[in-house]
Amino acid sequence: MNDMPYDLLATDEPARIAAHRENDRSPFLMVVDHAGNLIPHGLGGRGLPKTECERHIAWDIGVAAFSRFVADALHATLVQRLRCSLLRDVGNARS
């Protein structure tokens, strides 16, 4: 068995999470799921048309911008998950 971690993201793809206002002065930490609709190239789009990945089924449209707005107002650190909601693997905490 291979114990090496398997990562679907190619080196030229964006990270699966993004941090905003890291180490800011607020005691608050905001964590936002469904902030993006990234599907790694290695998954080949999972058979979904691009139009479906732009709908709410793939991500919470607007939550990324709204959470950055709130984080800015609170001077809080924000962590956003950028992977498409349709890729959730309940058996894998790294998804």
PDB file of N, CA and C in Angstrom:
ATOM      1  N   MET A   1       0.839  -1.185   0.000  1.00  0.00           N
ATOM      2  CA  MET A   1       0.000   0.000   0.000  1.00  0.00           C
ATOM      3  C   MET A   1       0.878   1.239   0.000  1.00  0.00           C
ATOM      4  N   ASN A   2       0.484   2.211  -0.773  1.00  0.00           N
ATOM      5  CA  ASN A   2       1.220   3.459  -0.869  1.00  0.00           C
ATOM      6  C   ASN A   2       0.709   4.429   0.189  1.00  0.00           C
ATOM      7  N   ASP A   3       1.599   4.903   1.063  1.00  0.00           N
ATOM      8  CA  ASP A   3       1.202   5.832   2.122  1.00  0.00           C
ATOM      9  C   ASP A   3       1.355   7.289   1.713  1.00  0.00           C
ATOM     10  N   MET A   4       1.750   7.531   0.473  1.00  0.00           N
ATOM     11  CA  MET A   4       1.899   8.907   0.008  1.00  0.00           C
ATOM     12  C   MET A   4       0.515   9.529  -0.181  1.00  0.00           C
ATOM     13  N   PRO A   5       0.321  10.772   0.284  1.00  0.00           N
ATOM     14  CA  PRO A   5      -0.977  11.421   0.091  1.00  0.00           C
ATOM     15  C   PRO A   5      -1.221  11.680  -1.384  1.00  0.00           C
ATOM     16  N   TYR A   6      -2.444  11.531  -1.799  1.00  0.00           N
ATOM     17  CA  TYR A   6      -2.829  11.770  -3.190  1.00  0.00           C
ATOM     18  C   TYR A   6      -3.536  13.107  -3.263  1.00  0.00           C
ATOM     19  N   ASP A   7      -3.060  13.987  -4.122  1.00  0.00           N
ATOM     20  CA  ASP A   7      -3.679  15.300  -4.268  1.00  0.00           C
ATOM     21  C   ASP A   7      -4.109  15.465  -5.710  1.00  0.00           C
ATOM     22  N   LEU A   8      -5.346  15.838  -5.913  1.00  0.00           N
ATOM     23  CA  LEU A   8      -5.885  15.994  -7.252  1.00  0.00           C
ATOM     24  C   LEU A   8      -5.466  17.292  -7.919  1.00  0.00           C
ATOM     25  N   LEU A   9      -5.009  18.264  -7.157  1.00  0.00           N
ATOM     26  CA  LEU A   9      -4.674  19.556  -7.730  1.00  0.00           C
ATOM     27  C   LEU A   9      -3.323  19.514  -8.425  1.00  0.00           C
ATOM     28  N   ALA A  10      -3.305  19.992  -9.653  1.00  0.00           N
ATOM     29  CA  ALA A  10      -2.053  20.155 -10.375  1.00  0.00           C
ATOM     30  C   ALA A  10      -1.343  21.397  -9.829  1.00  0.00           C
ATOM     31  N   THR A  11      -0.070  21.500 -10.099  1.00  0.00           N
ATOM     32  CA  THR A  11       0.698  22.624  -9.549  1.00  0.00           C
ATOM     33  C   THR A  11       0.249  23.972 -10.089  1.00  0.00           C
ATOM     34  N   ASP A  12      -0.425  23.999 -11.251  1.00  0.00           N
ATOM     35  CA  ASP A  12      -0.867  25.270 -11.831  1.00  0.00           C
ATOM     36  C   ASP A  12      -2.291  25.648 -11.425  1.00  0.00           C
ATOM     37  N   GLU A  13      -2.909  24.877 -10.539  1.00  0.00           N
ATOM     38  CA  GLU A  13      -4.276  25.171 -10.106  1.00  0.00           C
ATOM     39  C   GLU A  13      -4.266  25.934  -8.786  1.00  0.00           C
ATOM     40  N   PRO A  14      -5.339  26.717  -8.559  1.00  0.00           N
ATOM     41  CA  PRO A  14      -5.426  27.445  -7.284  1.00  0.00           C
ATOM     42  C   PRO A  14      -5.532  26.482  -6.100  1.00  0.00           C
ATOM     43  N   ALA A  15      -5.156  26.955  -4.958  1.00  0.00           N
ATOM     44  CA  ALA A  15      -5.254  26.148  -3.733  1.00  0.00           C
ATOM     45  C   ALA A  15      -6.714  25.834  -3.422  1.00  0.00           C
ATOM     46  N   ARG A  16      -6.925  24.787  -2.630  1.00  0.00           N
ATOM     47  CA  ARG A  16      -8.304  24.411  -2.286  1.00  0.00           C
ATOM     48  C   ARG A  16      -8.880  25.270  -1.172  1.00  0.00           C
ATOM     49  N   ILE A  17      -8.031  25.997  -0.473  1.00  0.00           N
ATOM     50  CA  ILE A  17      -8.497  26.951   0.533  1.00  0.00           C
ATOM     51  C   ILE A  17      -7.787  28.282   0.312  1.00  0.00           C
ATOM     52  N   ALA A  18      -8.398  29.334   0.804  1.00  0.00           N
ATOM     53  CA  ALA A  18      -7.786  30.664   0.726  1.00  0.00           C
ATOM     54  C   ALA A  18      -7.926  31.330   2.082  1.00  0.00           C
ATOM     55  N   ALA A  19      -6.890  32.039   2.473  1.00  0.00           N
ATOM     56  CA  ALA A  19      -6.914  32.791   3.728  1.00  0.00           C
ATOM     57  C   ALA A  19      -6.921  34.282   3.396  1.00  0.00           C
ATOM     58  N   HIS A  20      -7.646  35.020   4.181  1.00  0.00           N
ATOM     59  CA  HIS A  20      -7.779  36.468   4.006  1.00  0.00           C
ATOM     60  C   HIS A  20      -7.548  37.121   5.372  1.00  0.00           C
ATOM     61  N   ARG A  21      -6.762  38.155   5.403  1.00  0.00           N
ATOM     62  CA  ARG A  21      -6.457  38.893   6.633  1.00  0.00           C
ATOM     63  C   ARG A  21      -5.826  37.981   7.687  1.00  0.00           C
ATOM     64  N   GLU A  22      -4.885  37.171   7.248  1.00  0.00           N
ATOM     65  CA  GLU A  22      -4.213  36.273   8.191  1.00  0.00           C
ATOM     66  C   GLU A  22      -3.564  37.085   9.313  1.00  0.00           C
ATOM     67  N   ASN A  23      -3.682  36.579  10.517  1.00  0.00           N
ATOM     68  CA  ASN A  23      -3.063  37.189  11.699  1.00  0.00           C
ATOM     69  C   ASN A  23      -3.497  38.630  11.936  1.00  0.00           C
ATOM     70  N   ASP A  24      -4.754  38.921  11.638  1.00  0.00           N
ATOM     71  CA  ASP A  24      -5.243  40.274  11.892  1.00  0.00           C
ATOM     72  C   ASP A  24      -5.511  40.446  13.388  1.00  0.00           C
ATOM     73  N   ARG A  25      -5.950  41.624  13.772  1.00  0.00           N
ATOM     74  CA  ARG A  25      -6.020  41.964  15.200  1.00  0.00           C
ATOM     75  C   ARG A  25      -7.251  41.438  15.928  1.00  0.00           C
ATOM     76  N   SER A  26      -8.249  40.971  15.217  1.00  0.00           N
ATOM     77  CA  SER A  26      -9.476  40.500  15.855  1.00  0.00           C
ATOM     78  C   SER A  26      -9.279  39.117  16.488  1.00  0.00           C
ATOM     79  N   PRO A  27     -10.000  38.829  17.566  1.00  0.00           N
ATOM     80  CA  PRO A  27      -9.942  37.477  18.142  1.00  0.00           C
ATOM     81  C   PRO A  27     -10.816  36.492  17.365  1.00  0.00           C
ATOM     82  N   PHE A  28     -11.565  36.979  16.368  1.00  0.00           N
ATOM     83  CA  PHE A  28     -12.469  36.123  15.614  1.00  0.00           C
ATOM     84  C   PHE A  28     -11.755  35.412  14.472  1.00  0.00           C
ATOM     85  N   LEU A  29     -12.179  34.179  14.242  1.00  0.00           N
ATOM     86  CA  LEU A  29     -11.744  33.404  13.082  1.00  0.00           C
ATOM     87  C   LEU A  29     -13.006  33.008  12.337  1.00  0.00           C
ATOM     88  N   MET A  30     -13.068  33.360  11.072  1.00  0.00           N
ATOM     89  CA  MET A  30     -14.218  32.986  10.241  1.00  0.00           C
ATOM     90  C   MET A  30     -13.801  31.844   9.317  1.00  0.00           C
ATOM     91  N   VAL A  31     -14.651  30.834   9.208  1.00  0.00           N
ATOM     92  CA  VAL A  31     -14.412  29.712   8.305  1.00  0.00           C
ATOM     93  C   VAL A  31     -15.650  29.563   7.434  1.00  0.00           C
ATOM     94  N   VAL A  32     -15.447  29.588   6.115  1.00  0.00           N
ATOM     95  CA  VAL A  32     -16.562  29.564   5.168  1.00  0.00           C
ATOM     96  C   VAL A  32     -16.374  28.402   4.196  1.00  0.00           C
ATOM     97  N   ASP A  33     -17.372  27.563   4.134  1.00  0.00           N
ATOM     98  CA  ASP A  33     -17.394  26.442   3.195  1.00  0.00           C
ATOM     99  C   ASP A  33     -18.132  26.884   1.935  1.00  0.00           C
ATOM    100  N   HIS A  34     -17.950  26.193   0.851  1.00  0.00           N
ATOM    101  CA  HIS A  34     -18.679  26.448  -0.406  1.00  0.00           C
ATOM    102  C   HIS A  34     -18.398  27.829  -0.989  1.00  0.00           C
ATOM    103  N   ALA A  35     -17.208  28.378  -0.759  1.00  0.00           N
ATOM    104  CA  ALA A  35     -16.887  29.722  -1.245  1.00  0.00           C
ATOM    105  C   ALA A  35     -16.362  29.725  -2.678  1.00  0.00           C
ATOM    106  N   GLY A  36     -16.236  28.575  -3.286  1.00  0.00           N
ATOM    107  CA  GLY A  36     -15.753  28.496  -4.659  1.00  0.00           C
ATOM    108  C   GLY A  36     -16.334  27.304  -5.379  1.00  0.00           C
ATOM    109  N   ASN A  37     -16.059  27.240  -6.661  1.00  0.00           N
ATOM    110  CA  ASN A  37     -16.568  26.138  -7.468  1.00  0.00           C
ATOM    111  C   ASN A  37     -15.456  25.430  -8.235  1.00  0.00           C
ATOM    112  N   LEU A  38     -14.275  25.395  -7.651  1.00  0.00           N
ATOM    113  CA  LEU A  38     -13.122  24.763  -8.271  1.00  0.00           C
ATOM    114  C   LEU A  38     -13.319  23.252  -8.388  1.00  0.00           C
ATOM    115  N   ILE A  39     -13.135  22.747  -9.592  1.00  0.00           N
ATOM    116  CA  ILE A  39     -13.061  21.303  -9.824  1.00  0.00           C
ATOM    117  C   ILE A  39     -11.680  21.045 -10.401  1.00  0.00           C
ATOM    118  N   PRO A  40     -10.844  20.281  -9.732  1.00  0.00           N
ATOM    119  CA  PRO A  40      -9.498  20.027 -10.250  1.00  0.00           C
ATOM    120  C   PRO A  40      -9.533  19.433 -11.660  1.00  0.00           C
ATOM    121  N   HIS A  41      -8.575  19.856 -12.479  1.00  0.00           N
ATOM    122  CA  HIS A  41      -8.491  19.355 -13.853  1.00  0.00           C
ATOM    123  C   HIS A  41      -8.451  17.832 -13.889  1.00  0.00           C
ATOM    124  N   GLY A  42      -7.817  17.226 -12.899  1.00  0.00           N
ATOM    125  CA  GLY A  42      -7.673  15.774 -12.851  1.00  0.00           C
ATOM    126  C   GLY A  42      -8.999  15.034 -12.747  1.00  0.00           C
ATOM    127  N   LEU A  43     -10.053  15.722 -12.375  1.00  0.00           N
ATOM    128  CA  LEU A  43     -11.370  15.095 -12.280  1.00  0.00           C
ATOM    129  C   LEU A  43     -12.191  15.270 -13.551  1.00  0.00           C
ATOM    130  N   GLY A  44     -11.656  16.019 -14.499  1.00  0.00           N
ATOM    131  CA  GLY A  44     -12.313  16.150 -15.791  1.00  0.00           C
ATOM    132  C   GLY A  44     -13.692  16.762 -15.744  1.00  0.00           C
ATOM    133  N   GLY A  45     -13.971  17.603 -14.790  1.00  0.00           N
ATOM    134  CA  GLY A  45     -15.266  18.261 -14.710  1.00  0.00           C
ATOM    135  C   GLY A  45     -16.391  17.384 -14.190  1.00  0.00           C
ATOM    136  N   ARG A  46     -16.065  16.135 -13.872  1.00  0.00           N
ATOM    137  CA  ARG A  46     -17.050  15.183 -13.326  1.00  0.00           C
ATOM    138  C   ARG A  46     -18.277  15.031 -14.220  1.00  0.00           C
ATOM    139  N   GLY A  47     -18.127  15.324 -15.514  1.00  0.00           N
ATOM    140  CA  GLY A  47     -19.232  15.170 -16.441  1.00  0.00           C
ATOM    141  C   GLY A  47     -20.257  16.282 -16.388  1.00  0.00           C
ATOM    142  N   LEU A  48     -19.950  17.324 -15.635  1.00  0.00           N
ATOM    143  CA  LEU A  48     -20.896  18.434 -15.497  1.00  0.00           C
ATOM    144  C   LEU A  48     -20.624  19.524 -16.527  1.00  0.00           C
ATOM    145  N   PRO A  49     -21.672  20.033 -17.155  1.00  0.00           N
ATOM    146  CA  PRO A  49     -21.471  21.184 -18.036  1.00  0.00           C
ATOM    147  C   PRO A  49     -21.026  22.393 -17.203  1.00  0.00           C
ATOM    148  N   LYS A  50     -20.244  23.259 -17.811  1.00  0.00           N
ATOM    149  CA  LYS A  50     -19.751  24.446 -17.101  1.00  0.00           C
ATOM    150  C   LYS A  50     -20.893  25.276 -16.532  1.00  0.00           C
ATOM    151  N   THR A  51     -22.017  25.329 -17.224  1.00  0.00           N
ATOM    152  CA  THR A  51     -23.151  26.124 -16.747  1.00  0.00           C
ATOM    153  C   THR A  51     -23.673  25.608 -15.405  1.00  0.00           C
ATOM    154  N   GLU A  52     -23.632  24.300 -15.197  1.00  0.00           N
ATOM    155  CA  GLU A  52     -24.078  23.737 -13.913  1.00  0.00           C
ATOM    156  C   GLU A  52     -23.130  24.121 -12.785  1.00  0.00           C
ATOM    157  N   CYS A  53     -21.857  24.229 -13.094  1.00  0.00           N
ATOM    158  CA  CYS A  53     -20.866  24.579 -12.067  1.00  0.00           C
ATOM    159  C   CYS A  53     -20.919  26.053 -11.695  1.00  0.00           C
ATOM    160  N   GLU A  54     -21.650  26.826 -12.452  1.00  0.00           N
ATOM    161  CA  GLU A  54     -21.813  28.237 -12.143  1.00  0.00           C
ATOM    162  C   GLU A  54     -23.091  28.503 -11.359  1.00  0.00           C
ATOM    163  N   ARG A  55     -23.895  27.469 -11.142  1.00  0.00           N
ATOM    164  CA  ARG A  55     -25.154  27.596 -10.396  1.00  0.00           C
ATOM    165  C   ARG A  55     -24.918  27.345  -8.906  1.00  0.00           C
ATOM    166  N   HIS A  56     -25.946  27.574  -8.123  1.00  0.00           N
ATOM    167  CA  HIS A  56     -25.870  27.403  -6.673  1.00  0.00           C
ATOM    168  C   HIS A  56     -25.621  25.948  -6.252  1.00  0.00           C
ATOM    169  N   ILE A  57     -25.904  24.986  -7.123  1.00  0.00           N
ATOM    170  CA  ILE A  57     -25.656  23.587  -6.746  1.00  0.00           C
ATOM    171  C   ILE A  57     -24.173  23.315  -6.547  1.00  0.00           C
ATOM    172  N   ALA A  58     -23.319  24.130  -7.145  1.00  0.00           N
ATOM    173  CA  ALA A  58     -21.880  23.908  -7.077  1.00  0.00           C
ATOM    174  C   ALA A  58     -21.183  24.747  -6.009  1.00  0.00           C
ATOM    175  N   TRP A  59     -21.807  25.850  -5.596  1.00  0.00           N
ATOM    176  CA  TRP A  59     -21.187  26.734  -4.607  1.00  0.00           C
ATOM    177  C   TRP A  59     -22.208  27.725  -4.086  1.00  0.00           C
ATOM    178  N   ASP A  60     -21.877  28.399  -3.026  1.00  0.00           N
ATOM    179  CA  ASP A  60     -22.756  29.431  -2.477  1.00  0.00           C
ATOM    180  C   ASP A  60     -22.348  30.759  -3.105  1.00  0.00           C
ATOM    181  N   ILE A  61     -23.049  31.120  -4.157  1.00  0.00           N
ATOM    182  CA  ILE A  61     -22.719  32.316  -4.932  1.00  0.00           C
ATOM    183  C   ILE A  61     -22.788  33.544  -4.015  1.00  0.00           C
ATOM    184  N   GLY A  62     -21.731  34.303  -3.998  1.00  0.00           N
ATOM    185  CA  GLY A  62     -21.692  35.532  -3.215  1.00  0.00           C
ATOM    186  C   GLY A  62     -21.108  35.387  -1.823  1.00  0.00           C
ATOM    187  N   VAL A  63     -21.002  34.160  -1.315  1.00  0.00           N
ATOM    188  CA  VAL A  63     -20.515  33.996   0.061  1.00  0.00           C
ATOM    189  C   VAL A  63     -19.038  34.378   0.185  1.00  0.00           C
ATOM    190  N   ALA A  64     -18.255  34.193  -0.871  1.00  0.00           N
ATOM    191  CA  ALA A  64     -16.838  34.560  -0.808  1.00  0.00           C
ATOM    192  C   ALA A  64     -16.678  36.067  -0.614  1.00  0.00           C
ATOM    193  N   ALA A  65     -17.355  36.841  -1.455  1.00  0.00           N
ATOM    194  CA  ALA A  65     -17.255  38.297  -1.351  1.00  0.00           C
ATOM    195  C   ALA A  65     -17.871  38.806  -0.054  1.00  0.00           C
ATOM    196  N   PHE A  66     -19.020  38.248   0.319  1.00  0.00           N
ATOM    197  CA  PHE A  66     -19.681  38.692   1.550  1.00  0.00           C
ATOM    198  C   PHE A  66     -18.826  38.383   2.774  1.00  0.00           C
ATOM    199  N   SER A  67     -18.232  37.201   2.828  1.00  0.00           N
ATOM    200  CA  SER A  67     -17.427  36.850   3.995  1.00  0.00           C
ATOM    201  C   SER A  67     -16.155  37.704   4.063  1.00  0.00           C
ATOM    202  N   ARG A  68     -15.579  38.069   2.920  1.00  0.00           N
ATOM    203  CA  ARG A  68     -14.431  38.989   2.936  1.00  0.00           C
ATOM    204  C   ARG A  68     -14.857  40.362   3.459  1.00  0.00           C
ATOM    205  N   PHE A  69     -16.035  40.812   3.064  1.00  0.00           N
ATOM    206  CA  PHE A  69     -16.566  42.087   3.551  1.00  0.00           C
ATOM    207  C   PHE A  69     -16.708  42.066   5.075  1.00  0.00           C
ATOM    208  N   VAL A  70     -17.285  40.995   5.611  1.00  0.00           N
ATOM    209  CA  VAL A  70     -17.473  40.881   7.061  1.00  0.00           C
ATOM    210  C   VAL A  70     -16.122  40.768   7.763  1.00  0.00           C
ATOM    211  N   ALA A  71     -15.219  39.972   7.204  1.00  0.00           N
ATOM    212  CA  ALA A  71     -13.884  39.830   7.799  1.00  0.00           C
ATOM    213  C   ALA A  71     -13.165  41.172   7.838  1.00  0.00           C
ATOM    214  N   ASP A  72     -13.290  41.947   6.772  1.00  0.00           N
ATOM    215  CA  ASP A  72     -12.678  43.280   6.758  1.00  0.00           C
ATOM    216  C   ASP A  72     -13.272  44.171   7.841  1.00  0.00           C
ATOM    217  N   ALA A  73     -14.580  44.127   7.988  1.00  0.00           N
ATOM    218  CA  ALA A  73     -15.247  44.960   8.996  1.00  0.00           C
ATOM    219  C   ALA A  73     -14.845  44.569  10.413  1.00  0.00           C
ATOM    220  N   LEU A  74     -14.635  43.275  10.633  1.00  0.00           N
ATOM    221  CA  LEU A  74     -14.281  42.775  11.964  1.00  0.00           C
ATOM    222  C   LEU A  74     -12.775  42.678  12.195  1.00  0.00           C
ATOM    223  N   HIS A  75     -11.994  42.934  11.149  1.00  0.00           N
ATOM    224  CA  HIS A  75     -10.539  42.726  11.207  1.00  0.00           C
ATOM    225  C   HIS A  75     -10.228  41.281  11.608  1.00  0.00           C
ATOM    226  N   ALA A  76     -11.017  40.363  11.060  1.00  0.00           N
ATOM    227  CA  ALA A  76     -10.918  38.944  11.426  1.00  0.00           C
ATOM    228  C   ALA A  76     -10.215  38.145  10.338  1.00  0.00           C
ATOM    229  N   THR A  77      -9.537  37.106  10.749  1.00  0.00           N
ATOM    230  CA  THR A  77      -8.951  36.166   9.800  1.00  0.00           C
ATOM    231  C   THR A  77     -10.076  35.315   9.208  1.00  0.00           C
ATOM    232  N   LEU A  78     -10.001  35.098   7.912  1.00  0.00           N
ATOM    233  CA  LEU A  78     -11.010  34.346   7.185  1.00  0.00           C
ATOM    234  C   LEU A  78     -10.351  33.206   6.417  1.00  0.00           C
ATOM    235  N   VAL A  79     -10.926  32.029   6.515  1.00  0.00           N
ATOM    236  CA  VAL A  79     -10.477  30.875   5.733  1.00  0.00           C
ATOM    237  C   VAL A  79     -11.668  30.418   4.906  1.00  0.00           C
ATOM    238  N   GLN A  80     -11.455  30.303   3.585  1.00  0.00           N
ATOM    239  CA  GLN A  80     -12.525  29.911   2.674  1.00  0.00           C
ATOM    240  C   GLN A  80     -12.151  28.615   1.951  1.00  0.00           C
ATOM    241  N   ARG A  81     -13.106  27.709   1.821  1.00  0.00           N
ATOM    242  CA  ARG A  81     -12.922  26.486   1.049  1.00  0.00           C
ATOM    243  C   ARG A  81     -13.381  26.767  -0.368  1.00  0.00           C
ATOM    244  N   LEU A  82     -12.507  26.531  -1.345  1.00  0.00           N
ATOM    245  CA  LEU A  82     -12.760  26.925  -2.727  1.00  0.00           C
ATOM    246  C   LEU A  82     -13.200  25.791  -3.643  1.00  0.00           C
ATOM    247  N   ARG A  83     -13.198  24.578  -3.156  1.00  0.00           N
ATOM    248  CA  ARG A  83     -13.613  23.457  -4.000  1.00  0.00           C
ATOM    249  C   ARG A  83     -15.118  23.444  -4.191  1.00  0.00           C
ATOM    250  N   CYS A  84     -15.526  22.924  -5.324  1.00  0.00           N
ATOM    251  CA  CYS A  84     -16.933  22.799  -5.680  1.00  0.00           C
ATOM    252  C   CYS A  84     -17.671  21.961  -4.642  1.00  0.00           C
ATOM    253  N   SER A  85     -18.857  22.402  -4.265  1.00  0.00           N
ATOM    254  CA  SER A  85     -19.661  21.681  -3.272  1.00  0.00           C
ATOM    255  C   SER A  85     -20.010  20.276  -3.721  1.00  0.00           C
ATOM    256  N   LEU A  86     -20.067  20.049  -5.012  1.00  0.00           N
ATOM    257  CA  LEU A  86     -20.426  18.734  -5.543  1.00  0.00           C
ATOM    258  C   LEU A  86     -19.318  17.700  -5.352  1.00  0.00           C
ATOM    259  N   LEU A  87     -18.153  18.129  -4.917  1.00  0.00           N
ATOM    260  CA  LEU A  87     -17.022  17.212  -4.725  1.00  0.00           C
ATOM    261  C   LEU A  87     -16.903  16.708  -3.296  1.00  0.00           C
ATOM    262  N   ARG A  88     -17.803  17.036  -2.449  1.00  0.00           N
ATOM    263  CA  ARG A  88     -17.728  16.655  -1.042  1.00  0.00           C
ATOM    264  C   ARG A  88     -17.625  15.150  -0.917  1.00  0.00           C
ATOM    265  N   ASP A  89     -16.605  14.703  -0.246  1.00  0.00           N
ATOM    266  CA  ASP A  89     -16.415  13.278   0.013  1.00  0.00           C
ATOM    267  C   ASP A  89     -16.543  13.097   1.517  1.00  0.00           C
ATOM    268  N   VAL A  90     -17.674  12.588   1.970  1.00  0.00           N
ATOM    269  CA  VAL A  90     -17.913  12.490   3.409  1.00  0.00           C
ATOM    270  C   VAL A  90     -16.962  11.523   4.080  1.00  0.00           C
ATOM    271  N   GLY A  91     -16.305  10.682   3.331  1.00  0.00           N
ATOM    272  CA  GLY A  91     -15.362   9.737   3.916  1.00  0.00           C
ATOM    273  C   GLY A  91     -13.955  10.257   3.953  1.00  0.00           C
ATOM    274  N   ASN A  92     -13.735  11.499   3.510  1.00  0.00           N
ATOM    275  CA  ASN A  92     -12.392  12.042   3.438  1.00  0.00           C
ATOM    276  C   ASN A  92     -12.398  13.463   3.985  1.00  0.00           C
ATOM    277  N   ALA A  93     -11.790  13.666   5.124  1.00  0.00           N
ATOM    278  CA  ALA A  93     -11.799  14.983   5.772  1.00  0.00           C
ATOM    279  C   ALA A  93     -10.985  16.013   4.981  1.00  0.00           C
ATOM    280  N   ARG A  94     -10.179  15.567   4.015  1.00  0.00           N
ATOM    281  CA  ARG A  94      -9.373  16.494   3.233  1.00  0.00           C
ATOM    282  C   ARG A  94     -10.116  17.067   2.041  1.00  0.00           C
ATOM    283  N   SER A  95     -11.356  16.684   1.793  1.00  0.00           N
ATOM    284  CA  SER A  95     -12.061  17.148   0.588  1.00  0.00           C
ATOM    285  C   SER A  95     -12.496  18.588   0.712  1.00  0.00           C
TER     286      SER A  95
END
